[in-house]
Amino acid sequence: MILTCPACGKRYLVPSSALGSAGRRVRCAACGETWFQEAPPEETEAAPAFDDPVIDPPPEDIEPPPLRPGSNLPALRRRPEKKRFPVGWVLLGLFIVAVIGGGVFARNTIVGLWPPSARLYEMVGLPVPVPGAGLVLHDVATERMTQGGVPILVVTGTLANPTQEVKNVPKLRVSLRDSRRQEVQSWVFSADTSKLVPGEFVKFGSEFANPSTEAVDLTLTFTNSD
């Protein structure tokens, strides 16, 4: 119960048993006031408003099912994995397409620079007319001379058409090679005519200034490139 000092109002919480059944004198620890405190009236036990529920204990022979591993953990929403776009494969595919497409659309130029590649295109079903097909080169000769102190290489020869049809005359490409058969210099020139009728021939000649001193031989081919 709570005791209140009548002089200073100080309050104290003391058990009811400390006053006994008849009460007793008490003294305020704050101001020293003393007074007689009567015992509190006896409390009667109030009847419960509702009957206490009766709970039957579970049978001893029934065991609860075990928890699955991780079932006592809080449920977390799993983030959906983002699908990665295969950029590398796409770039590789584009590169392959570009290479193949370039090889197809530029096959005339490639064959012009390297005539043996015409055979490769023919094997894959993409025949390419070889520049100068059917034309024949005769009497190809070279001569070194000097003009005004500048070394000059002169290439001459004869171009003939032994076929039974008119042939277009493509440009001619000279490739100077060293002792290892590696190209060191090259140039392109045109003959004096653009067409040759069956059985016709024409002489050609070309000069090249400052040829490499490493050149030991040359090749002469037809080409469609400049």
C-alpha atoms as a PDB file:
ATOM      1  CA  MET A   1       0.000   0.000   0.000  1.00  0.00           C
ATOM      2  CA  ILE A   2       1.030   3.668  -0.384  1.00  0.00           C
ATOM      3  CA  LEU A   3       1.561   5.893   2.713  1.00  0.00           C
ATOM      4  CA  THR A   4       1.490   9.684   2.421  1.00  0.00           C
ATOM      5  CA  CYS A   5       3.080  12.001   4.985  1.00  0.00           C
ATOM      6  CA  PRO A   6       0.374  14.493   6.216  1.00  0.00           C
ATOM      7  CA  ALA A   7       3.027  17.178   6.775  1.00  0.00           C
ATOM      8  CA  CYS A   8       5.230  17.183   3.648  1.00  0.00           C
ATOM      9  CA  GLY A   9       3.273  14.892   1.305  1.00  0.00           C
ATOM     10  CA  LYS A  10       6.141  12.429   0.873  1.00  0.00           C
ATOM     11  CA  ARG A  11       4.809   9.093  -0.321  1.00  0.00           C
ATOM     12  CA  TYR A  12       6.064   5.619   0.584  1.00  0.00           C
ATOM     13  CA  LEU A  13       5.269   2.190  -0.818  1.00  0.00           C
ATOM     14  CA  VAL A  14       5.156  -0.365   2.028  1.00  0.00           C
ATOM     15  CA  PRO A  15       3.678  -3.877   2.233  1.00  0.00           C
ATOM     16  CA  SER A  16       0.343  -4.146   4.085  1.00  0.00           C
ATOM     17  CA  SER A  17       1.805  -6.806   6.404  1.00  0.00           C
ATOM     18  CA  ALA A  18       4.209  -4.194   7.849  1.00  0.00           C
ATOM     19  CA  LEU A  19       1.244  -2.406   9.566  1.00  0.00           C
ATOM     20  CA  GLY A  20      -0.200  -5.511  11.105  1.00  0.00           C
ATOM     21  CA  SER A  21      -3.904  -6.019  11.597  1.00  0.00           C
ATOM     22  CA  ALA A  22      -4.308  -3.099  14.124  1.00  0.00           C
ATOM     23  CA  GLY A  23      -2.089  -0.500  12.482  1.00  0.00           C
ATOM     24  CA  ARG A  24       0.983   1.264  13.892  1.00  0.00           C
ATOM     25  CA  ARG A  25       2.753   4.587  14.258  1.00  0.00           C
ATOM     26  CA  VAL A  26       5.037   5.552  11.372  1.00  0.00           C
ATOM     27  CA  ARG A  27       7.569   8.331  10.937  1.00  0.00           C
ATOM     28  CA  CYS A  28       8.382  10.316   7.747  1.00  0.00           C
ATOM     29  CA  ALA A  29      12.032   9.975   6.829  1.00  0.00           C
ATOM     30  CA  ALA A  30      11.944  13.316   5.010  1.00  0.00           C
ATOM     31  CA  CYS A  31      10.503  15.744   7.596  1.00  0.00           C
ATOM     32  CA  GLY A  32      10.335  13.626  10.797  1.00  0.00           C
ATOM     33  CA  GLU A  33       6.538  13.862  11.116  1.00  0.00           C
ATOM     34  CA  THR A  34       4.936  10.895  12.948  1.00  0.00           C
ATOM     35  CA  TRP A  35       1.365   9.630  12.708  1.00  0.00           C
ATOM     36  CA  PHE A  36      -0.708   6.535  13.345  1.00  0.00           C
ATOM     37  CA  GLN A  37      -1.428   4.570  10.205  1.00  0.00           C
ATOM     38  CA  GLU A  38      -4.367   2.205  10.343  1.00  0.00           C
ATOM     39  CA  ALA A  39      -4.180  -1.169   8.691  1.00  0.00           C
ATOM     40  CA  PRO A  40      -5.990  -1.457   5.318  1.00  0.00           C
ATOM     41  CA  PRO A  41      -9.314  -3.268   5.247  1.00  0.00           C
ATOM     42  CA  GLU A  42      -9.197  -6.922   4.298  1.00  0.00           C
ATOM     43  CA  GLU A  43      -9.859  -7.525   0.603  1.00  0.00           C
ATOM     44  CA  THR A  44     -12.353 -10.122  -0.489  1.00  0.00           C
ATOM     45  CA  GLU A  45     -11.478 -12.267  -3.485  1.00  0.00           C
ATOM     46  CA  ALA A  46     -13.589 -11.299  -6.465  1.00  0.00           C
ATOM     47  CA  ALA A  47     -15.188 -14.066  -8.450  1.00  0.00           C
ATOM     48  CA  PRO A  48     -13.748 -14.469 -11.932  1.00  0.00           C
ATOM     49  CA  ALA A  49     -15.955 -13.189 -14.710  1.00  0.00           C
ATOM     50  CA  PHE A  50     -15.232 -16.268 -16.833  1.00  0.00           C
ATOM     51  CA  ASP A  51     -14.259 -19.789 -16.049  1.00  0.00           C
ATOM     52  CA  ASP A  52     -10.605 -20.540 -16.652  1.00  0.00           C
ATOM     53  CA  PRO A  53     -10.190 -22.454 -19.909  1.00  0.00           C
ATOM     54  CA  VAL A  54      -9.179 -26.055 -19.620  1.00  0.00           C
ATOM     55  CA  ILE A  55      -6.376 -27.037 -21.962  1.00  0.00           C
ATOM     56  CA  ASP A  56      -5.711 -30.709 -22.404  1.00  0.00           C
ATOM     57  CA  PRO A  57      -2.036 -31.541 -22.709  1.00  0.00           C
ATOM     58  CA  PRO A  58      -1.005 -33.202 -25.980  1.00  0.00           C
ATOM     59  CA  PRO A  59      -0.616 -36.971 -25.952  1.00  0.00           C
ATOM     60  CA  GLU A  60       2.857 -38.047 -25.015  1.00  0.00           C
ATOM     61  CA  ASP A  61       3.058 -40.596 -27.819  1.00  0.00           C
ATOM     62  CA  ILE A  62       2.682 -37.951 -30.568  1.00  0.00           C
ATOM     63  CA  GLU A  63       5.850 -36.142 -31.647  1.00  0.00           C
ATOM     64  CA  PRO A  64       5.735 -32.953 -33.693  1.00  0.00           C
ATOM     65  CA  PRO A  65       7.142 -33.321 -37.240  1.00  0.00           C
ATOM     66  CA  PRO A  66      10.737 -32.158 -37.606  1.00  0.00           C
ATOM     67  CA  LEU A  67      11.392 -28.850 -39.262  1.00  0.00           C
ATOM     68  CA  ARG A  68      12.929 -28.907 -42.708  1.00  0.00           C
ATOM     69  CA  PRO A  69      16.448 -27.478 -42.945  1.00  0.00           C
ATOM     70  CA  GLY A  70      16.255 -23.724 -43.285  1.00  0.00           C
ATOM     71  CA  SER A  71      12.502 -23.593 -42.525  1.00  0.00           C
ATOM     72  CA  ASN A  72      13.159 -21.599 -39.370  1.00  0.00           C
ATOM     73  CA  LEU A  73      14.887 -18.859 -41.366  1.00  0.00           C
ATOM     74  CA  PRO A  74      12.999 -15.747 -42.487  1.00  0.00           C
ATOM     75  CA  ALA A  75      11.660 -15.981 -45.993  1.00  0.00           C
ATOM     76  CA  LEU A  76      13.573 -13.772 -48.407  1.00  0.00           C
ATOM     77  CA  ARG A  77      12.348 -12.907 -51.856  1.00  0.00           C
ATOM     78  CA  ARG A  78      14.827 -14.149 -54.399  1.00  0.00           C
ATOM     79  CA  ARG A  79      15.868 -11.544 -56.891  1.00  0.00           C
ATOM     80  CA  PRO A  80      15.360 -12.659 -60.458  1.00  0.00           C
ATOM     81  CA  GLU A  81      18.666 -13.133 -62.228  1.00  0.00           C
ATOM     82  CA  LYS A  82      19.237 -10.733 -65.073  1.00  0.00           C
ATOM     83  CA  LYS A  83      19.855 -12.417 -68.371  1.00  0.00           C
ATOM     84  CA  ARG A  84      23.191 -11.351 -69.743  1.00  0.00           C
ATOM     85  CA  PHE A  85      23.173 -10.320 -73.357  1.00  0.00           C
ATOM     86  CA  PRO A  86      25.845 -12.287 -75.238  1.00  0.00           C
ATOM     87  CA  VAL A  87      27.652  -9.218 -76.551  1.00  0.00           C
ATOM     88  CA  GLY A  88      30.874 -11.104 -77.253  1.00  0.00           C
ATOM     89  CA  TRP A  89      29.150 -13.703 -79.439  1.00  0.00           C
ATOM     90  CA  VAL A  90      27.244 -11.005 -81.298  1.00  0.00           C
ATOM     91  CA  LEU A  91      30.430  -9.081 -82.051  1.00  0.00           C
ATOM     92  CA  LEU A  92      32.145 -12.262 -83.190  1.00  0.00           C
ATOM     93  CA  GLY A  93      29.208 -13.076 -85.447  1.00  0.00           C
ATOM     94  CA  LEU A  94      29.253  -9.584 -86.945  1.00  0.00           C
ATOM     95  CA  PHE A  95      32.990  -9.856 -87.543  1.00  0.00           C
ATOM     96  CA  ILE A  96      32.589 -13.188 -89.342  1.00  0.00           C
ATOM     97  CA  VAL A  97      29.724 -11.821 -91.440  1.00  0.00           C
ATOM     98  CA  ALA A  98      31.805  -8.746 -92.322  1.00  0.00           C
ATOM     99  CA  VAL A  99      34.770 -10.876 -93.355  1.00  0.00           C
ATOM    100  CA  ILE A 100      32.645 -13.229 -95.437  1.00  0.00           C
ATOM    101  CA  GLY A 101      30.643 -10.376 -96.930  1.00  0.00           C
ATOM    102  CA  GLY A 102      33.800  -8.460 -97.772  1.00  0.00           C
ATOM    103  CA  GLY A 103      35.299 -11.538 -99.395  1.00  0.00           C
ATOM    104  CA  VAL A 104      32.154 -12.035-101.502  1.00  0.00           C
ATOM    105  CA  PHE A 105      31.556  -8.476-102.636  1.00  0.00           C
ATOM    106  CA  ALA A 106      35.239  -7.695-103.175  1.00  0.00           C
ATOM    107  CA  ARG A 107      36.073 -10.973-104.869  1.00  0.00           C
ATOM    108  CA  ASN A 108      36.832  -9.292-108.192  1.00  0.00           C
ATOM    109  CA  THR A 109      39.436  -7.094-106.516  1.00  0.00           C
ATOM    110  CA  ILE A 110      40.873 -10.029-104.561  1.00  0.00           C
ATOM    111  CA  VAL A 111      41.167 -12.163-107.690  1.00  0.00           C
ATOM    112  CA  GLY A 112      42.728  -9.235-109.494  1.00  0.00           C
ATOM    113  CA  LEU A 113      45.425  -8.951-106.820  1.00  0.00           C
ATOM    114  CA  TRP A 114      45.852 -12.699-106.431  1.00  0.00           C
ATOM    115  CA  PRO A 115      44.622 -14.636-109.500  1.00  0.00           C
ATOM    116  CA  PRO A 116      44.990 -18.116-107.869  1.00  0.00           C
ATOM    117  CA  SER A 117      42.147 -17.164-105.483  1.00  0.00           C
ATOM    118  CA  ALA A 118      39.725 -17.537-108.419  1.00  0.00           C
ATOM    119  CA  ARG A 119      40.019 -21.287-107.969  1.00  0.00           C
ATOM    120  CA  LEU A 120      38.931 -20.999-104.325  1.00  0.00           C
ATOM    121  CA  TYR A 121      35.873 -18.946-105.227  1.00  0.00           C
ATOM    122  CA  GLU A 122      34.974 -21.459-107.924  1.00  0.00           C
ATOM    123  CA  MET A 123      35.117 -24.306-105.374  1.00  0.00           C
ATOM    124  CA  VAL A 124      32.519 -22.576-103.143  1.00  0.00           C
ATOM    125  CA  GLY A 125      30.175 -21.828-106.033  1.00  0.00           C
ATOM    126  CA  LEU A 126      31.181 -18.201-106.578  1.00  0.00           C
ATOM    127  CA  PRO A 127      33.048 -18.248-109.877  1.00  0.00           C
ATOM    128  CA  VAL A 128      34.944 -15.065-110.631  1.00  0.00           C
ATOM    129  CA  PRO A 129      36.262 -14.329-114.117  1.00  0.00           C
ATOM    130  CA  VAL A 130      40.032 -14.134-113.951  1.00  0.00           C
ATOM    131  CA  PRO A 131      41.338 -10.831-115.328  1.00  0.00           C
ATOM    132  CA  GLY A 132      42.782 -11.421-118.797  1.00  0.00           C
ATOM    133  CA  ALA A 133      41.428 -14.982-119.043  1.00  0.00           C
ATOM    134  CA  GLY A 134      42.286 -16.289-122.506  1.00  0.00           C
ATOM    135  CA  LEU A 135      44.953 -13.666-123.204  1.00  0.00           C
ATOM    136  CA  VAL A 136      48.595 -14.690-123.528  1.00  0.00           C
ATOM    137  CA  LEU A 137      51.793 -12.781-122.709  1.00  0.00           C
ATOM    138  CA  HIS A 138      54.772 -13.312-125.052  1.00  0.00           C
ATOM    139  CA  ASP A 139      58.389 -12.199-125.190  1.00  0.00           C
ATOM    140  CA  VAL A 140      58.425 -10.459-121.772  1.00  0.00           C
ATOM    141  CA  ALA A 141      61.814  -8.778-121.278  1.00  0.00           C
ATOM    142  CA  THR A 142      63.415  -6.302-118.879  1.00  0.00           C
ATOM    143  CA  GLU A 143      66.168  -3.728-119.307  1.00  0.00           C
ATOM    144  CA  ARG A 144      67.921  -1.433-116.852  1.00  0.00           C
ATOM    145  CA  MET A 145      69.057   2.000-117.975  1.00  0.00           C
ATOM    146  CA  THR A 146      69.769   5.453-116.611  1.00  0.00           C
ATOM    147  CA  GLN A 147      68.048   8.672-117.641  1.00  0.00           C
ATOM    148  CA  GLY A 148      69.409  11.930-116.220  1.00  0.00           C
ATOM    149  CA  GLY A 149      71.185  10.043-113.467  1.00  0.00           C
ATOM    150  CA  VAL A 150      67.997   8.202-112.425  1.00  0.00           C
ATOM    151  CA  PRO A 151      67.964   4.386-112.739  1.00  0.00           C
ATOM    152  CA  ILE A 152      65.078   3.121-114.856  1.00  0.00           C
ATOM    153  CA  LEU A 153      63.659  -0.399-115.249  1.00  0.00           C
ATOM    154  CA  VAL A 154      61.940  -1.038-118.605  1.00  0.00           C
ATOM    155  CA  VAL A 155      59.504  -3.943-119.050  1.00  0.00           C
ATOM    156  CA  THR A 156      58.372  -4.898-122.576  1.00  0.00           C
ATOM    157  CA  GLY A 157      56.411  -7.739-124.156  1.00  0.00           C
ATOM    158  CA  THR A 158      53.583  -8.832-126.439  1.00  0.00           C
ATOM    159  CA  LEU A 159      49.931  -9.422-125.529  1.00  0.00           C
ATOM    160  CA  ALA A 160      47.906 -11.745-127.790  1.00  0.00           C
ATOM    161  CA  ASN A 161      44.366 -13.042-128.050  1.00  0.00           C
ATOM    162  CA  PRO A 162      44.435 -16.638-129.401  1.00  0.00           C
ATOM    163  CA  THR A 163      40.722 -17.258-128.629  1.00  0.00           C
ATOM    164  CA  GLN A 164      37.739 -17.054-130.975  1.00  0.00           C
ATOM    165  CA  GLU A 165      36.068 -14.133-129.193  1.00  0.00           C
ATOM    166  CA  VAL A 166      36.757 -10.514-128.444  1.00  0.00           C
ATOM    167  CA  LYS A 167      38.618 -10.021-125.174  1.00  0.00           C
ATOM    168  CA  ASN A 168      38.810  -6.979-122.929  1.00  0.00           C
ATOM    169  CA  VAL A 169      42.375  -6.063-122.077  1.00  0.00           C
ATOM    170  CA  PRO A 170      42.778  -5.401-118.326  1.00  0.00           C
ATOM    171  CA  LYS A 171      45.646  -3.554-116.721  1.00  0.00           C
ATOM    172  CA  LEU A 172      48.999  -5.200-116.142  1.00  0.00           C
ATOM    173  CA  ARG A 173      50.718  -5.409-112.757  1.00  0.00           C
ATOM    174  CA  VAL A 174      54.476  -5.763-112.314  1.00  0.00           C
ATOM    175  CA  SER A 175      55.779  -7.140-109.012  1.00  0.00           C
ATOM    176  CA  LEU A 176      59.487  -6.898-108.226  1.00  0.00           C
ATOM    177  CA  ARG A 177      60.712  -9.623-105.854  1.00  0.00           C
ATOM    178  CA  ASP A 178      63.868 -10.180-103.857  1.00  0.00           C
ATOM    179  CA  SER A 179      65.905 -13.372-103.503  1.00  0.00           C
ATOM    180  CA  ARG A 180      63.357 -14.747-101.016  1.00  0.00           C
ATOM    181  CA  ARG A 181      60.532 -14.240-103.536  1.00  0.00           C
ATOM    182  CA  GLN A 182      59.091 -11.449-101.382  1.00  0.00           C
ATOM    183  CA  GLU A 183      57.581  -8.448-103.149  1.00  0.00           C
ATOM    184  CA  VAL A 184      59.592  -5.279-102.642  1.00  0.00           C
ATOM    185  CA  GLN A 185      57.954  -2.993-105.236  1.00  0.00           C
ATOM    186  CA  SER A 186      55.041  -3.027-107.680  1.00  0.00           C
ATOM    187  CA  TRP A 187      53.255  -0.849-110.196  1.00  0.00           C
ATOM    188  CA  VAL A 188      50.280  -1.049-112.569  1.00  0.00           C
ATOM    189  CA  PHE A 189      50.111   0.133-116.178  1.00  0.00           C
ATOM    190  CA  SER A 190      47.772  -0.148-119.160  1.00  0.00           C
ATOM    191  CA  ALA A 191      48.430  -1.544-122.621  1.00  0.00           C
ATOM    192  CA  ASP A 192      47.847   0.594-125.708  1.00  0.00           C
ATOM    193  CA  THR A 193      44.463  -1.002-126.404  1.00  0.00           C
ATOM    194  CA  SER A 194      41.367  -1.949-124.366  1.00  0.00           C
ATOM    195  CA  LYS A 195      40.179  -4.840-126.575  1.00  0.00           C
ATOM    196  CA  LEU A 196      41.705  -7.549-128.730  1.00  0.00           C
ATOM    197  CA  VAL A 197      39.803  -9.324-131.475  1.00  0.00           C
ATOM    198  CA  PRO A 198      40.458 -13.017-132.143  1.00  0.00           C
ATOM    199  CA  GLY A 199      44.017 -13.578-133.332  1.00  0.00           C
ATOM    200  CA  GLU A 200      45.099  -9.982-132.639  1.00  0.00           C
ATOM    201  CA  PHE A 201      48.188  -9.032-130.630  1.00  0.00           C
ATOM    202  CA  VAL A 202      49.727  -5.807-129.321  1.00  0.00           C
ATOM    203  CA  LYS A 203      53.128  -4.836-127.964  1.00  0.00           C
ATOM    204  CA  PHE A 204      53.378  -3.127-124.580  1.00  0.00           C
ATOM    205  CA  GLY A 205      56.056  -1.392-122.546  1.00  0.00           C
ATOM    206  CA  SER A 206      56.380   0.333-119.183  1.00  0.00           C
ATOM    207  CA  GLU A 207      59.140   2.194-117.335  1.00  0.00           C
ATOM    208  CA  PHE A 208      59.683   2.331-113.553  1.00  0.00           C
ATOM    209  CA  ALA A 209      62.072   4.811-111.896  1.00  0.00           C
ATOM    210  CA  ASN A 210      64.373   3.904-109.005  1.00  0.00           C
ATOM    211  CA  PRO A 211      63.743   0.158-108.870  1.00  0.00           C
ATOM    212  CA  SER A 212      64.886  -1.542-105.673  1.00  0.00           C
ATOM    213  CA  THR A 213      68.429  -2.875-105.697  1.00  0.00           C
ATOM    214  CA  GLU A 214      67.151  -5.950-103.855  1.00  0.00           C
ATOM    215  CA  ALA A 215      64.907  -6.960-106.772  1.00  0.00           C
ATOM    216  CA  VAL A 216      66.239 -10.023-108.605  1.00  0.00           C
ATOM    217  CA  ASP A 217      63.152 -11.011-110.642  1.00  0.00           C
ATOM    218  CA  LEU A 218      59.595  -9.940-111.424  1.00  0.00           C
ATOM    219  CA  THR A 219      56.112 -11.286-112.131  1.00  0.00           C
ATOM    220  CA  LEU A 220      53.677  -9.854-114.668  1.00  0.00           C
ATOM    221  CA  THR A 221      49.944 -10.449-114.161  1.00  0.00           C
ATOM    222  CA  PHE A 222      46.584  -9.014-115.220  1.00  0.00           C
ATOM    223  CA  THR A 223      44.617  -7.008-112.660  1.00  0.00           C
ATOM    224  CA  ASN A 224      41.364  -5.067-112.350  1.00  0.00           C
ATOM    225  CA  SER A 225      42.706  -2.796-109.591  1.00  0.00           C
ATOM    226  CA  ASP A 226      44.691   0.377-109.910  1.00  0.00           C
END
